[in-house]
Amino acid sequence: MHRIAITGCGNRAKSALDRQLAQLLDAPLTHLDAIYHDKHWTGRDANALLDALRMDVTAFAEHREPGDGL
């Protein structure tokens, strides 16, 4: 699987760009903030982050929305 990473400062329309790009390429979209932070916006430790990333990849394979159930 190929990946595209979009980075930059806040308020620079990254989210608008990534949504348009994902739609244009018919590709899954994952915001790392949604994977790194839990529901209370607390950062995960390294092992929990890796587990969350694996779950998100599984969601892509199963055609679910990335981040569901995290």
PDB file of N, CA and C in Angstrom:
ATOM      1  N   MET A   1       0.844  -1.168   0.000  1.00  0.00           N
ATOM      2  CA  MET A   1       0.000   0.000   0.000  1.00  0.00           C
ATOM      3  C   MET A   1       0.894   1.237   0.000  1.00  0.00           C
ATOM      4  N   HIS A   2       0.557   2.191  -0.820  1.00  0.00           N
ATOM      5  CA  HIS A   2       1.259   3.476  -0.854  1.00  0.00           C
ATOM      6  C   HIS A   2       0.591   4.429   0.123  1.00  0.00           C
ATOM      7  N   ARG A   3       1.382   5.327   0.694  1.00  0.00           N
ATOM      8  CA  ARG A   3       0.845   6.304   1.633  1.00  0.00           C
ATOM      9  C   ARG A   3       1.314   7.697   1.240  1.00  0.00           C
ATOM     10  N   ILE A   4       0.486   8.677   1.547  1.00  0.00           N
ATOM     11  CA  ILE A   4       0.839  10.075   1.369  1.00  0.00           C
ATOM     12  C   ILE A   4       0.683  10.738   2.733  1.00  0.00           C
ATOM     13  N   ALA A   5       1.708  11.417   3.179  1.00  0.00           N
ATOM     14  CA  ALA A   5       1.644  12.147   4.445  1.00  0.00           C
ATOM     15  C   ALA A   5       1.592  13.639   4.144  1.00  0.00           C
ATOM     16  N   ILE A   6       0.656  14.311   4.781  1.00  0.00           N
ATOM     17  CA  ILE A   6       0.528  15.759   4.625  1.00  0.00           C
ATOM     18  C   ILE A   6       0.804  16.382   5.985  1.00  0.00           C
ATOM     19  N   THR A   7       1.810  17.242   6.029  1.00  0.00           N
ATOM     20  CA  THR A   7       2.162  17.899   7.286  1.00  0.00           C
ATOM     21  C   THR A   7       2.212  19.405   7.080  1.00  0.00           C
ATOM     22  N   GLY A   8       2.157  20.121   8.172  1.00  0.00           N
ATOM     23  CA  GLY A   8       2.273  21.566   8.098  1.00  0.00           C
ATOM     24  C   GLY A   8       1.758  22.232   9.347  1.00  0.00           C
ATOM     25  N   CYS A   9       1.897  23.527   9.394  1.00  0.00           N
ATOM     26  CA  CYS A   9       1.439  24.321  10.538  1.00  0.00           C
ATOM     27  C   CYS A   9      -0.084  24.320  10.602  1.00  0.00           C
ATOM     28  N   GLY A  10      -0.599  24.712  11.759  1.00  0.00           N
ATOM     29  CA  GLY A  10      -2.041  24.804  11.940  1.00  0.00           C
ATOM     30  C   GLY A  10      -2.669  25.847  11.029  1.00  0.00           C
ATOM     31  N   ASN A  11      -3.947  25.644  10.722  1.00  0.00           N
ATOM     32  CA  ASN A  11      -4.732  26.584   9.915  1.00  0.00           C
ATOM     33  C   ASN A  11      -4.157  26.812   8.520  1.00  0.00           C
ATOM     34  N   ARG A  12      -3.697  25.749   7.900  1.00  0.00           N
ATOM     35  CA  ARG A  12      -3.150  25.846   6.546  1.00  0.00           C
ATOM     36  C   ARG A  12      -3.922  24.972   5.545  1.00  0.00           C
ATOM     37  N   ALA A  13      -5.131  24.553   5.899  1.00  0.00           N
ATOM     38  CA  ALA A  13      -6.043  23.798   5.019  1.00  0.00           C
ATOM     39  C   ALA A  13      -5.569  22.387   4.710  1.00  0.00           C
ATOM     40  N   LYS A  14      -4.798  21.790   5.621  1.00  0.00           N
ATOM     41  CA  LYS A  14      -4.350  20.413   5.403  1.00  0.00           C
ATOM     42  C   LYS A  14      -5.530  19.445   5.353  1.00  0.00           C
ATOM     43  N   SER A  15      -6.488  19.635   6.244  1.00  0.00           N
ATOM     44  CA  SER A  15      -7.638  18.724   6.282  1.00  0.00           C
ATOM     45  C   SER A  15      -8.470  18.818   5.016  1.00  0.00           C
ATOM     46  N   ALA A  16      -8.638  20.008   4.494  1.00  0.00           N
ATOM     47  CA  ALA A  16      -9.384  20.164   3.239  1.00  0.00           C
ATOM     48  C   ALA A  16      -8.637  19.479   2.099  1.00  0.00           C
ATOM     49  N   LEU A  17      -7.329  19.661   2.059  1.00  0.00           N
ATOM     50  CA  LEU A  17      -6.519  19.039   1.016  1.00  0.00           C
ATOM     51  C   LEU A  17      -6.562  17.522   1.122  1.00  0.00           C
ATOM     52  N   ASP A  18      -6.400  16.981   2.332  1.00  0.00           N
ATOM     53  CA  ASP A  18      -6.358  15.521   2.439  1.00  0.00           C
ATOM     54  C   ASP A  18      -7.709  14.882   2.120  1.00  0.00           C
ATOM     55  N   ARG A  19      -8.807  15.537   2.487  1.00  0.00           N
ATOM     56  CA  ARG A  19     -10.129  14.989   2.127  1.00  0.00           C
ATOM     57  C   ARG A  19     -10.320  14.976   0.612  1.00  0.00           C
ATOM     58  N   GLN A  20      -9.930  16.062  -0.047  1.00  0.00           N
ATOM     59  CA  GLN A  20     -10.073  16.126  -1.506  1.00  0.00           C
ATOM     60  C   GLN A  20      -9.179  15.093  -2.191  1.00  0.00           C
ATOM     61  N   LEU A  21      -7.957  14.960  -1.704  1.00  0.00           N
ATOM     62  CA  LEU A  21      -7.020  13.997  -2.284  1.00  0.00           C
ATOM     63  C   LEU A  21      -7.512  12.568  -2.097  1.00  0.00           C
ATOM     64  N   ALA A  22      -8.001  12.254  -0.904  1.00  0.00           N
ATOM     65  CA  ALA A  22      -8.530  10.913  -0.652  1.00  0.00           C
ATOM     66  C   ALA A  22      -9.712  10.609  -1.559  1.00  0.00           C
ATOM     67  N   GLN A  23     -10.578  11.603  -1.746  1.00  0.00           N
ATOM     68  CA  GLN A  23     -11.738  11.410  -2.613  1.00  0.00           C
ATOM     69  C   GLN A  23     -11.293  11.227  -4.068  1.00  0.00           C
ATOM     70  N   LEU A  24     -10.379  12.057  -4.504  1.00  0.00           N
ATOM     71  CA  LEU A  24      -9.891  11.981  -5.883  1.00  0.00           C
ATOM     72  C   LEU A  24      -9.227  10.638  -6.176  1.00  0.00           C
ATOM     73  N   LEU A  25      -8.446  10.137  -5.216  1.00  0.00           N
ATOM     74  CA  LEU A  25      -7.726   8.877  -5.397  1.00  0.00           C
ATOM     75  C   LEU A  25      -8.519   7.657  -4.948  1.00  0.00           C
ATOM     76  N   ASP A  26      -9.729   7.888  -4.408  1.00  0.00           N
ATOM     77  CA  ASP A  26     -10.535   6.812  -3.836  1.00  0.00           C
ATOM     78  C   ASP A  26      -9.685   6.004  -2.851  1.00  0.00           C
ATOM     79  N   ALA A  27      -9.076   6.743  -1.918  1.00  0.00           N
ATOM     80  CA  ALA A  27      -8.142   6.140  -0.967  1.00  0.00           C
ATOM     81  C   ALA A  27      -8.625   6.380   0.460  1.00  0.00           C
ATOM     82  N   PRO A  28      -8.249   5.506   1.382  1.00  0.00           N
ATOM     83  CA  PRO A  28      -8.608   5.722   2.780  1.00  0.00           C
ATOM     84  C   PRO A  28      -7.869   6.927   3.349  1.00  0.00           C
ATOM     85  N   LEU A  29      -8.474   7.551   4.337  1.00  0.00           N
ATOM     86  CA  LEU A  29      -7.894   8.738   4.969  1.00  0.00           C
ATOM     87  C   LEU A  29      -7.832   8.502   6.471  1.00  0.00           C
ATOM     88  N   THR A  30      -6.674   8.733   7.051  1.00  0.00           N
ATOM     89  CA  THR A  30      -6.492   8.599   8.492  1.00  0.00           C
ATOM     90  C   THR A  30      -5.813   9.840   9.021  1.00  0.00           C
ATOM     91  N   HIS A  31      -6.419  10.456  10.015  1.00  0.00           N
ATOM     92  CA  HIS A  31      -5.778  11.562  10.716  1.00  0.00           C
ATOM     93  C   HIS A  31      -5.046  10.972  11.916  1.00  0.00           C
ATOM     94  N   LEU A  32      -3.748  11.188  11.994  1.00  0.00           N
ATOM     95  CA  LEU A  32      -2.967  10.604  13.077  1.00  0.00           C
ATOM     96  C   LEU A  32      -3.399  11.110  14.442  1.00  0.00           C
ATOM     97  N   ASP A  33      -3.934  12.336  14.534  1.00  0.00           N
ATOM     98  CA  ASP A  33      -4.451  12.813  15.820  1.00  0.00           C
ATOM     99  C   ASP A  33      -5.531  11.877  16.347  1.00  0.00           C
ATOM    100  N   ALA A  34      -6.357  11.374  15.456  1.00  0.00           N
ATOM    101  CA  ALA A  34      -7.439  10.478  15.858  1.00  0.00           C
ATOM    102  C   ALA A  34      -6.916   9.141  16.357  1.00  0.00           C
ATOM    103  N   ILE A  35      -5.744   8.745  15.899  1.00  0.00           N
ATOM    104  CA  ILE A  35      -5.161   7.481  16.335  1.00  0.00           C
ATOM    105  C   ILE A  35      -4.279   7.680  17.560  1.00  0.00           C
ATOM    106  N   TYR A  36      -3.533   8.775  17.598  1.00  0.00           N
ATOM    107  CA  TYR A  36      -2.594   9.011  18.696  1.00  0.00           C
ATOM    108  C   TYR A  36      -3.310   9.341  20.001  1.00  0.00           C
ATOM    109  N   HIS A  37      -4.350  10.162  19.936  1.00  0.00           N
ATOM    110  CA  HIS A  37      -5.054  10.597  21.144  1.00  0.00           C
ATOM    111  C   HIS A  37      -6.226   9.680  21.449  1.00  0.00           C
ATOM    112  N   ASP A  38      -6.460   9.454  22.746  1.00  0.00           N
ATOM    113  CA  ASP A  38      -7.648   8.703  23.118  1.00  0.00           C
ATOM    114  C   ASP A  38      -8.838   9.666  23.195  1.00  0.00           C
ATOM    115  N   LYS A  39      -9.981   9.186  23.674  1.00  0.00           N
ATOM    116  CA  LYS A  39     -11.183  10.026  23.661  1.00  0.00           C
ATOM    117  C   LYS A  39     -11.081  11.235  24.581  1.00  0.00           C
ATOM    118  N   HIS A  40     -10.096  11.252  25.482  1.00  0.00           N
ATOM    119  CA  HIS A  40      -9.893  12.385  26.380  1.00  0.00           C
ATOM    120  C   HIS A  40      -8.728  13.263  25.924  1.00  0.00           C
ATOM    121  N   TRP A  41      -8.263  13.071  24.707  1.00  0.00           N
ATOM    122  CA  TRP A  41      -7.136  13.802  24.118  1.00  0.00           C
ATOM    123  C   TRP A  41      -5.835  13.609  24.901  1.00  0.00           C
ATOM    124  N   THR A  42      -5.681  12.424  25.457  1.00  0.00           N
ATOM    125  CA  THR A  42      -4.440  12.042  26.114  1.00  0.00           C
ATOM    126  C   THR A  42      -3.641  11.216  25.130  1.00  0.00           C
ATOM    127  N   GLY A  43      -2.361  11.519  24.971  1.00  0.00           N
ATOM    128  CA  GLY A  43      -1.528  10.757  24.045  1.00  0.00           C
ATOM    129  C   GLY A  43      -1.330   9.323  24.512  1.00  0.00           C
ATOM    130  N   ARG A  44      -1.274   8.412  23.586  1.00  0.00           N
ATOM    131  CA  ARG A  44      -1.064   7.003  23.902  1.00  0.00           C
ATOM    132  C   ARG A  44       0.429   6.722  24.064  1.00  0.00           C
ATOM    133  N   ASP A  45       0.747   5.673  24.819  1.00  0.00           N
ATOM    134  CA  ASP A  45       2.149   5.266  24.867  1.00  0.00           C
ATOM    135  C   ASP A  45       2.482   4.538  23.564  1.00  0.00           C
ATOM    136  N   ALA A  46       3.742   4.255  23.338  1.00  0.00           N
ATOM    137  CA  ALA A  46       4.196   3.708  22.054  1.00  0.00           C
ATOM    138  C   ALA A  46       3.492   2.401  21.703  1.00  0.00           C
ATOM    139  N   ASN A  47       3.335   1.484  22.647  1.00  0.00           N
ATOM    140  CA  ASN A  47       2.687   0.199  22.355  1.00  0.00           C
ATOM    141  C   ASN A  47       1.213   0.378  22.024  1.00  0.00           C
ATOM    142  N   ALA A  48       0.536   1.251  22.762  1.00  0.00           N
ATOM    143  CA  ALA A  48      -0.878   1.504  22.479  1.00  0.00           C
ATOM    144  C   ALA A  48      -1.050   2.165  21.115  1.00  0.00           C
ATOM    145  N   LEU A  49      -0.126   3.058  20.757  1.00  0.00           N
ATOM    146  CA  LEU A  49      -0.179   3.700  19.445  1.00  0.00           C
ATOM    147  C   LEU A  49      -0.004   2.671  18.336  1.00  0.00           C
ATOM    148  N   LEU A  50       0.966   1.785  18.485  1.00  0.00           N
ATOM    149  CA  LEU A  50       1.173   0.736  17.472  1.00  0.00           C
ATOM    150  C   LEU A  50      -0.055  -0.154  17.355  1.00  0.00           C
ATOM    151  N   ASP A  51      -0.671  -0.510  18.478  1.00  0.00           N
ATOM    152  CA  ASP A  51      -1.894  -1.322  18.437  1.00  0.00           C
ATOM    153  C   ASP A  51      -3.011  -0.575  17.703  1.00  0.00           C
ATOM    154  N   ALA A  52      -3.151   0.712  17.976  1.00  0.00           N
ATOM    155  CA  ALA A  52      -4.189   1.514  17.314  1.00  0.00           C
ATOM    156  C   ALA A  52      -3.936   1.605  15.815  1.00  0.00           C
ATOM    157  N   LEU A  53      -2.674   1.770  15.429  1.00  0.00           N
ATOM    158  CA  LEU A  53      -2.340   1.817  14.001  1.00  0.00           C
ATOM    159  C   LEU A  53      -2.661   0.491  13.325  1.00  0.00           C
ATOM    160  N   ARG A  54      -2.357  -0.616  13.988  1.00  0.00           N
ATOM    161  CA  ARG A  54      -2.688  -1.932  13.418  1.00  0.00           C
ATOM    162  C   ARG A  54      -4.194  -2.084  13.260  1.00  0.00           C
ATOM    163  N   MET A  55      -4.957  -1.628  14.251  1.00  0.00           N
ATOM    164  CA  MET A  55      -6.415  -1.705  14.171  1.00  0.00           C
ATOM    165  C   MET A  55      -6.922  -0.876  13.011  1.00  0.00           C
ATOM    166  N   ASP A  56      -6.329   0.294  12.791  1.00  0.00           N
ATOM    167  CA  ASP A  56      -6.775   1.168  11.713  1.00  0.00           C
ATOM    168  C   ASP A  56      -6.490   0.532  10.358  1.00  0.00           C
ATOM    169  N   VAL A  57      -5.340  -0.111  10.197  1.00  0.00           N
ATOM    170  CA  VAL A  57      -5.025  -0.806   8.953  1.00  0.00           C
ATOM    171  C   VAL A  57      -6.027  -1.925   8.725  1.00  0.00           C
ATOM    172  N   THR A  58      -6.396  -2.627   9.800  1.00  0.00           N
ATOM    173  CA  THR A  58      -7.408  -3.681   9.694  1.00  0.00           C
ATOM    174  C   THR A  58      -8.737  -3.092   9.251  1.00  0.00           C
ATOM    175  N   ALA A  59      -9.081  -1.906   9.756  1.00  0.00           N
ATOM    176  CA  ALA A  59     -10.334  -1.256   9.351  1.00  0.00           C
ATOM    177  C   ALA A  59     -10.337  -0.995   7.854  1.00  0.00           C
ATOM    178  N   PHE A  60      -9.199  -0.559   7.299  1.00  0.00           N
ATOM    179  CA  PHE A  60      -9.120  -0.341   5.860  1.00  0.00           C
ATOM    180  C   PHE A  60      -9.395  -1.641   5.117  1.00  0.00           C
ATOM    181  N   ALA A  61      -8.765  -2.708   5.575  1.00  0.00           N
ATOM    182  CA  ALA A  61      -8.913  -3.996   4.904  1.00  0.00           C
ATOM    183  C   ALA A  61     -10.350  -4.495   4.964  1.00  0.00           C
ATOM    184  N   GLU A  62     -11.051  -4.149   6.026  1.00  0.00           N
ATOM    185  CA  GLU A  62     -12.434  -4.591   6.192  1.00  0.00           C
ATOM    186  C   GLU A  62     -13.430  -3.555   5.672  1.00  0.00           C
ATOM    187  N   HIS A  63     -12.942  -2.488   5.046  1.00  0.00           N
ATOM    188  CA  HIS A  63     -13.773  -1.443   4.447  1.00  0.00           C
ATOM    189  C   HIS A  63     -14.646  -0.728   5.467  1.00  0.00           C
ATOM    190  N   ARG A  64     -14.090  -0.530   6.660  1.00  0.00           N
ATOM    191  CA  ARG A  64     -14.749   0.300   7.656  1.00  0.00           C
ATOM    192  C   ARG A  64     -14.107   1.654   7.663  1.00  0.00           C
ATOM    193  N   GLU A  65     -14.728   2.594   8.344  1.00  0.00           N
ATOM    194  CA  GLU A  65     -14.143   3.918   8.488  1.00  0.00           C
ATOM    195  C   GLU A  65     -12.931   3.847   9.406  1.00  0.00           C
ATOM    196  N   PRO A  66     -11.796   4.430   9.016  1.00  0.00           N
ATOM    197  CA  PRO A  66     -10.643   4.474   9.907  1.00  0.00           C
ATOM    198  C   PRO A  66     -11.003   5.175  11.218  1.00  0.00           C
ATOM    199  N   GLY A  67     -10.510   4.619  12.305  1.00  0.00           N
ATOM    200  CA  GLY A  67     -10.754   5.218  13.607  1.00  0.00           C
ATOM    201  C   GLY A  67     -11.990   4.677  14.306  1.00  0.00           C
ATOM    202  N   ASP A  68     -12.857   3.934  13.607  1.00  0.00           N
ATOM    203  CA  ASP A  68     -14.043   3.375  14.274  1.00  0.00           C
ATOM    204  C   ASP A  68     -13.598   2.413  15.361  1.00  0.00           C
ATOM    205  N   GLY A  69     -14.156   2.579  16.516  1.00  0.00           N
ATOM    206  CA  GLY A  69     -13.877   1.665  17.611  1.00  0.00           C
ATOM    207  C   GLY A  69     -12.594   1.937  18.355  1.00  0.00           C
ATOM    208  N   LEU A  70     -11.896   2.997  18.010  1.00  0.00           N
ATOM    209  CA  LEU A  70     -10.647   3.300  18.716  1.00  0.00           C
ATOM    210  C   LEU A  70     -10.937   4.138  19.931  1.00  0.00           C
TER     211      LEU A  70
END
